[in-house]
Protein backbone atom coordinates (compact mmCIF):
# COMPACT_ATOMS: atom_id res chain seq x y z
CA MET A 1 -42.37 16.84 -32.52
CA THR A 2 -44.53 13.72 -32.42
CA ILE A 3 -43.82 11.10 -35.05
CA GLU A 4 -46.82 8.88 -35.79
CA SER A 5 -46.27 5.23 -36.61
CA THR A 6 -46.79 4.22 -40.24
CA ASP A 7 -47.81 0.71 -39.19
CA PRO A 8 -51.52 -0.03 -39.73
CA ARG A 9 -53.84 -0.26 -36.77
CA GLU A 10 -54.67 -3.91 -36.07
CA ILE A 11 -58.30 -4.67 -35.18
CA LEU A 12 -59.28 -8.24 -34.37
CA VAL A 13 -62.67 -9.48 -35.61
CA VAL A 14 -64.14 -12.55 -33.93
CA ALA A 15 -67.45 -13.84 -35.28
CA HIS A 16 -69.68 -16.89 -35.27
CA ALA A 17 -69.31 -18.34 -38.79
CA ARG A 18 -72.48 -20.44 -38.90
CA ARG A 19 -75.04 -17.65 -38.77
CA THR A 20 -75.81 -15.64 -41.87
CA ASP A 21 -76.66 -12.45 -39.97
CA THR A 22 -73.38 -12.63 -38.06
CA VAL A 23 -71.32 -13.09 -41.25
CA LEU A 24 -73.09 -10.13 -42.86
CA ALA A 25 -72.38 -8.02 -39.78
CA ALA A 26 -68.73 -9.10 -39.85
CA ARG A 27 -68.46 -7.86 -43.45
CA ARG A 28 -69.73 -4.44 -42.36
CA VAL A 29 -67.22 -4.33 -39.51
CA ILE A 30 -64.33 -5.34 -41.79
CA ALA A 31 -65.37 -2.76 -44.39
CA ALA A 32 -65.34 -0.02 -41.74
CA VAL A 33 -61.92 -1.14 -40.49
CA GLN A 34 -60.43 -1.16 -43.97
CA SER A 35 -62.01 2.18 -44.93
CA ALA A 36 -60.21 3.74 -41.97
CA GLY A 37 -56.87 2.44 -43.21
CA ALA A 38 -56.66 -0.15 -40.43
CA ARG A 39 -56.11 -3.87 -40.88
CA ALA A 40 -58.71 -6.49 -40.02
CA VAL A 41 -57.30 -9.51 -38.21
CA LEU A 42 -58.97 -12.91 -37.85
CA PRO A 43 -58.10 -15.64 -35.33
CA ASP A 44 -55.81 -18.38 -36.58
CA GLY A 45 -57.78 -21.38 -37.78
CA ASP A 46 -60.99 -19.49 -38.62
CA ASP A 47 -61.08 -21.01 -42.11
CA GLU A 48 -64.85 -21.41 -42.09
CA LEU A 49 -65.36 -17.71 -41.35
CA ARG A 50 -62.89 -16.72 -44.07
CA HIS A 51 -64.80 -18.86 -46.53
CA GLU A 52 -68.18 -17.40 -45.53
CA LEU A 53 -66.88 -13.83 -45.70
CA GLY A 54 -65.91 -14.25 -49.34
CA ASP A 55 -63.82 -11.56 -51.02
CA VAL A 56 -63.56 -8.76 -48.46
CA GLY A 57 -59.95 -7.85 -49.18
CA PRO A 58 -56.76 -8.90 -47.39
CA LEU A 59 -57.16 -10.23 -43.86
CA ALA A 60 -54.32 -10.75 -41.40
CA THR A 61 -54.07 -13.73 -39.06
CA LEU A 62 -53.61 -13.45 -35.31
CA GLY A 63 -50.41 -15.14 -34.14
CA VAL A 64 -49.11 -15.43 -37.70
CA ASP A 65 -49.13 -11.93 -39.20
CA VAL A 66 -50.02 -10.01 -36.04
CA SER A 67 -49.08 -10.62 -32.41
CA VAL A 68 -51.70 -10.28 -29.70
CA ASP A 69 -49.73 -7.36 -28.24
CA ALA A 70 -50.26 -5.41 -31.46
CA VAL A 71 -54.06 -5.73 -31.46
CA GLU A 72 -55.74 -2.43 -30.62
CA ILE A 73 -59.26 -3.72 -29.96
CA ALA A 74 -61.26 -6.91 -30.57
CA ILE A 75 -64.68 -6.57 -32.19
CA VAL A 76 -66.77 -9.61 -31.32
CA LEU A 77 -69.99 -10.55 -33.10
CA GLY A 78 -71.99 -13.23 -31.34
CA GLY A 79 -73.27 -14.18 -27.93
CA ASP A 80 -71.48 -14.53 -24.61
CA GLY A 81 -69.80 -17.76 -25.77
CA THR A 82 -68.11 -15.94 -28.64
CA ILE A 83 -67.04 -13.14 -26.29
CA LEU A 84 -65.51 -15.70 -23.92
CA ARG A 85 -63.62 -17.14 -26.89
CA ALA A 86 -62.29 -13.67 -27.71
CA ALA A 87 -61.22 -13.19 -24.10
CA GLU A 88 -59.16 -16.35 -24.48
CA LEU A 89 -57.47 -14.90 -27.56
CA VAL A 90 -56.53 -11.45 -26.21
CA ARG A 91 -56.07 -11.98 -22.47
CA THR A 92 -52.27 -11.90 -22.64
CA GLY A 93 -52.35 -8.59 -24.53
CA THR A 94 -53.91 -5.22 -23.75
CA ALA A 95 -56.74 -5.09 -26.30
CA PRO A 96 -60.23 -4.45 -24.93
CA ILE A 97 -63.20 -6.41 -26.24
CA LEU A 98 -66.26 -4.75 -27.79
CA GLY A 99 -69.12 -7.22 -27.88
CA ILE A 100 -71.89 -6.84 -30.48
CA ASN A 101 -74.79 -9.04 -29.46
CA MET A 102 -75.92 -11.47 -32.12
CA GLY A 103 -77.22 -14.03 -29.65
CA HIS A 104 -79.96 -14.01 -27.03
CA VAL A 105 -79.20 -12.34 -23.69
CA GLY A 106 -75.62 -11.40 -24.55
CA PHE A 107 -74.89 -10.06 -21.09
CA LEU A 108 -71.24 -9.33 -21.87
CA ALA A 109 -72.09 -7.54 -25.12
CA GLU A 110 -72.00 -3.75 -25.20
CA ILE A 111 -74.35 -3.05 -28.11
CA GLU A 112 -76.95 -4.65 -30.35
CA ALA A 113 -76.40 -5.29 -34.05
CA ASP A 114 -78.62 -2.42 -35.24
CA VAL A 115 -76.05 0.23 -34.25
CA ILE A 116 -72.93 -1.36 -35.77
CA ASP A 117 -72.14 1.54 -38.10
CA ASP A 118 -72.16 4.16 -35.34
CA ALA A 119 -70.21 1.84 -33.06
CA MET A 120 -67.49 1.34 -35.66
CA ARG A 121 -67.21 5.10 -36.18
CA ARG A 122 -66.57 5.48 -32.48
CA VAL A 123 -64.11 2.59 -32.43
CA ILE A 124 -62.12 4.14 -35.27
CA ASP A 125 -62.12 7.48 -33.40
CA ARG A 126 -61.19 5.67 -30.16
CA GLU A 127 -64.29 7.04 -28.44
CA TYR A 128 -64.74 4.35 -25.84
CA ASP A 129 -63.89 3.64 -22.23
CA VAL A 130 -62.09 0.54 -21.03
CA GLU A 131 -63.33 -1.44 -18.04
CA GLU A 132 -61.14 -4.06 -16.39
CA ARG A 133 -62.78 -7.27 -15.20
CA MET A 134 -61.39 -9.59 -12.56
CA THR A 135 -60.42 -13.14 -13.57
CA LEU A 136 -59.47 -16.29 -11.64
CA ASP A 137 -56.33 -18.40 -11.75
CA VAL A 138 -57.28 -22.06 -11.36
CA GLU A 139 -55.11 -25.08 -10.73
CA VAL A 140 -55.66 -28.78 -10.10
CA ARG A 141 -53.45 -30.78 -7.75
CA ASP A 142 -53.36 -34.55 -7.34
CA GLU A 143 -53.20 -36.50 -4.07
CA ALA A 144 -49.42 -35.96 -3.97
CA ASP A 145 -50.06 -32.18 -4.12
CA THR A 146 -48.49 -31.94 -7.57
CA VAL A 147 -49.99 -29.39 -9.97
CA ILE A 148 -51.36 -31.40 -12.89
CA TYR A 149 -53.34 -28.67 -14.66
CA SER A 150 -53.63 -24.90 -14.58
CA THR A 151 -55.91 -22.49 -16.40
CA TRP A 152 -58.00 -19.36 -15.80
CA ALA A 153 -61.60 -18.16 -15.87
CA LEU A 154 -63.41 -14.92 -16.63
CA ASN A 155 -66.87 -16.15 -15.63
CA GLU A 156 -66.49 -19.19 -13.44
CA ALA A 157 -64.65 -22.36 -12.54
CA THR A 158 -67.02 -25.26 -11.92
CA VAL A 159 -66.25 -28.57 -10.25
CA GLU A 160 -68.88 -31.04 -11.43
CA LYS A 161 -69.60 -34.73 -11.15
CA ALA A 162 -68.77 -36.67 -14.30
CA ALA A 163 -71.51 -39.29 -14.02
CA ARG A 164 -75.16 -38.25 -13.91
CA GLU A 165 -76.22 -41.11 -11.64
CA ARG A 166 -73.59 -40.46 -8.97
CA MET A 167 -73.02 -37.78 -6.37
CA MET A 168 -69.55 -36.37 -5.70
CA GLU A 169 -68.29 -35.72 -2.18
CA VAL A 170 -66.25 -32.61 -1.55
CA VAL A 171 -64.73 -30.48 1.18
CA LEU A 172 -65.03 -26.72 0.73
CA GLU A 173 -62.07 -24.75 2.03
CA ILE A 174 -61.61 -20.98 2.35
CA ASP A 175 -58.15 -19.53 3.02
CA SER A 176 -56.65 -22.90 4.04
CA ARG A 177 -59.43 -23.60 6.56
CA PRO A 178 -62.13 -26.25 6.01
CA LEU A 179 -65.67 -24.87 5.97
CA SER A 180 -67.97 -27.76 5.14
CA SER A 181 -68.08 -31.24 3.63
CA PHE A 182 -71.04 -32.51 1.62
CA GLY A 183 -72.24 -34.58 -1.29
CA CYS A 184 -73.37 -32.59 -4.33
CA ASP A 185 -73.57 -32.30 -8.09
CA GLY A 186 -70.74 -29.77 -8.01
CA VAL A 187 -69.58 -26.31 -6.92
CA VAL A 188 -69.48 -23.06 -8.91
CA ILE A 189 -66.70 -20.55 -8.14
CA SER A 190 -67.64 -17.29 -9.84
CA THR A 191 -66.27 -13.82 -10.52
CA PRO A 192 -68.55 -10.75 -10.45
CA THR A 193 -68.63 -10.91 -14.28
CA GLY A 194 -69.82 -14.51 -14.10
CA SER A 195 -72.36 -13.81 -11.37
CA THR A 196 -75.05 -13.30 -14.03
CA ALA A 197 -74.17 -16.57 -15.77
CA TYR A 198 -74.00 -20.09 -14.25
CA ASN A 199 -73.79 -18.63 -10.75
CA PHE A 200 -77.11 -16.84 -11.31
CA SER A 201 -78.82 -19.97 -12.65
CA ALA A 202 -77.58 -21.94 -9.64
CA GLY A 203 -79.14 -19.48 -7.19
CA GLY A 204 -76.03 -17.44 -6.45
CA PRO A 205 -76.00 -13.67 -5.88
CA VAL A 206 -75.63 -11.05 -8.58
CA ILE A 207 -72.45 -9.08 -7.85
CA TRP A 208 -71.93 -5.60 -9.26
CA PRO A 209 -68.80 -5.48 -11.49
CA THR A 210 -67.32 -2.72 -9.34
CA VAL A 211 -67.25 -5.12 -6.38
CA GLU A 212 -64.22 -7.41 -6.38
CA ALA A 213 -65.33 -10.64 -4.75
CA ILE A 214 -65.65 -14.37 -5.37
CA ALA A 215 -68.95 -16.24 -5.15
CA VAL A 216 -69.08 -19.93 -4.17
CA VAL A 217 -72.30 -21.83 -4.90
CA PRO A 218 -72.82 -25.55 -4.19
CA LEU A 219 -74.93 -27.38 -6.76
CA SER A 220 -77.74 -29.57 -5.40
CA ALA A 221 -75.86 -30.17 -2.16
CA HIS A 222 -77.09 -32.83 0.25
CA ALA A 223 -76.31 -30.80 3.36
CA LEU A 224 -77.87 -28.59 6.01
CA PHE A 225 -75.31 -25.84 5.41
CA ALA A 226 -74.55 -25.40 1.73
CA ARG A 227 -75.62 -21.84 1.05
CA PRO A 228 -74.05 -19.53 -1.54
CA LEU A 229 -71.08 -17.62 -0.15
CA VAL A 230 -69.38 -14.37 -1.11
CA VAL A 231 -65.74 -14.07 -0.05
CA GLY A 232 -63.18 -11.31 -0.46
CA PRO A 233 -61.03 -10.92 -3.57
CA GLU A 234 -57.88 -11.98 -1.72
CA ALA A 235 -59.46 -15.25 -0.58
CA THR A 236 -58.29 -18.61 -1.86
CA VAL A 237 -61.08 -21.11 -2.52
CA ALA A 238 -60.28 -24.82 -2.65
CA ILE A 239 -62.48 -27.80 -3.43
CA ASP A 240 -61.20 -31.22 -2.39
CA VAL A 241 -62.79 -34.14 -4.24
CA LEU A 242 -62.78 -36.82 -1.57
CA ALA A 243 -60.99 -40.04 -2.41
CA ARG A 244 -64.08 -42.05 -1.44
CA THR A 245 -66.06 -40.36 -4.24
CA ASP A 246 -67.56 -43.04 -6.47
CA GLY A 247 -66.33 -41.98 -9.88
CA THR A 248 -64.51 -38.99 -11.32
CA GLY A 249 -65.32 -35.32 -11.52
CA ILE A 250 -64.55 -32.68 -14.09
CA LEU A 251 -63.39 -29.08 -13.94
CA TRP A 252 -64.90 -26.61 -16.41
CA CYS A 253 -63.73 -23.02 -16.83
CA ASP A 254 -66.05 -20.67 -18.74
CA GLY A 255 -67.55 -23.73 -20.40
CA ARG A 256 -64.52 -23.79 -22.71
CA ARG A 257 -61.61 -25.45 -20.90
CA SER A 258 -61.95 -28.71 -18.98
CA HIS A 259 -59.91 -31.28 -17.10
CA ASP A 260 -60.87 -34.61 -15.53
CA LEU A 261 -60.69 -34.78 -11.74
CA PRO A 262 -59.76 -38.15 -10.23
CA PRO A 263 -60.79 -38.95 -6.66
CA GLY A 264 -58.48 -37.09 -4.30
CA ALA A 265 -58.00 -34.14 -6.67
CA ARG A 266 -57.90 -30.61 -5.31
CA VAL A 267 -59.08 -27.55 -7.25
CA ILE A 268 -57.76 -24.15 -6.13
CA ALA A 269 -59.08 -20.81 -7.38
CA ARG A 270 -57.81 -17.34 -6.55
CA ARG A 271 -57.89 -13.87 -8.08
CA SER A 272 -55.56 -13.50 -11.05
CA GLU A 273 -53.17 -10.62 -11.63
CA GLU A 274 -54.33 -10.53 -15.27
CA HIS A 275 -57.60 -8.85 -16.21
CA VAL A 276 -59.89 -9.00 -19.21
CA ARG A 277 -60.72 -5.57 -20.63
CA LEU A 278 -64.13 -4.63 -21.99
CA ALA A 279 -64.71 -1.62 -24.23
CA ARG A 280 -67.69 0.50 -23.23
CA LEU A 281 -69.39 2.94 -25.61
CA HIS A 282 -72.25 3.80 -23.29
CA PRO A 283 -71.21 3.85 -19.64
CA ALA A 284 -74.46 3.22 -17.77
CA PRO A 285 -75.49 2.00 -14.34
CA PHE A 286 -75.22 -1.76 -13.96
CA THR A 287 -78.81 -1.68 -12.69
CA ASP A 288 -79.98 -0.55 -16.14
CA ARG A 289 -78.07 -3.40 -17.78
CA LEU A 290 -79.73 -5.93 -15.47
CA VAL A 291 -83.18 -4.54 -16.21
CA ARG A 292 -82.58 -4.49 -19.97
CA LYS A 293 -80.88 -7.88 -20.36
CA PHE A 294 -83.21 -9.80 -18.04
CA GLN A 295 -86.30 -7.77 -19.02
CA LEU A 296 -87.06 -7.14 -15.37
CA PRO A 297 -90.47 -5.63 -14.56
CA VAL A 298 -90.10 -2.07 -13.23
CA ALA A 299 -93.65 -0.80 -13.81
CA GLY A 300 -94.66 1.62 -11.08
CA TRP A 301 -91.19 3.06 -10.52
CA ARG A 302 -91.60 6.69 -9.40
CA GLY A 303 -87.99 7.78 -9.77
CA PRO A 304 -85.75 9.39 -7.14
CA VAL A 305 -87.62 11.24 -4.40
CA GLU A 306 -86.06 14.33 -2.86
CA PRO A 307 -86.19 14.70 0.92
CA ARG A 308 -89.43 16.49 1.86
CA ASP A 309 -87.64 19.36 3.61
CA LEU A 310 -85.70 20.24 0.44
CA ARG A 311 -88.58 20.27 -2.04
CA ALA A 312 -89.73 23.81 -1.29
CA GLY A 313 -86.35 25.19 -0.41
CA GLU A 314 -86.92 24.62 3.27
CA VAL A 315 -84.01 24.47 5.64
CA PRO A 316 -83.66 20.93 7.03
CA SER A 317 -84.31 20.68 10.74
CA ALA A 318 -81.44 19.68 12.96
């Protein structure tokens, strides 16, 4: 005999509080959660969102009333920045993230706002797949090789110059072997998930999510060899900020977490053992997502063509 838990299902709602359409959408999501007998959970410190939501019934608080391990799924209303914030909140748990695009491109989002009601029905019925996305562990070491900062990234870790008028000098290292030294504005170290973000804007390759790899893209490098690279998932990428660099650099991860880099600092990035999970309602080829999100021109596409010998039931020649 199976005994079902009497504890309510905990569903995290993360939303951008300063947009009216997003707040209205969050009310619809919370109403659907509560109608199903589940409990809506908000991140700790989201006082502005609570105020904008008004009287929507009792709301739990993540980390106060509900642990991250108890969250079943995170419903995120916003753009990619809001989804990256949600990834920060649930990464140590097992909850997948369902992104509802309220922004512009919203590449990480699964659906658009006009299908919220159907999406919530499927969430309540647990009719979704879960896709794991690779992340990076990132650490900073000083000249004495002491770890002075550690963090992680879902999209990318970026080493950048701190002063606009100066160039930083770096050595790029792959698997403990130096590859090239050059002056530049910075270096982007990207996951496949982040390949359509900063990496893409910097001229790096788009990497299908099913391919585990790390992209390395120098930014405005003053060098003959400073092309984008794709290395294996087991590779360790290191960026040494040379001590002769005039000024400091800065490390940014997902545009959310940063740390100053003094001359002589060393940034190391490698694949993490922890993943971020995305909920998928409509499993579809990544090609279709690229076309839709970037509005790529595909006029003239004729569709798949069968081999000529098989069209009329002919036996292929040897």
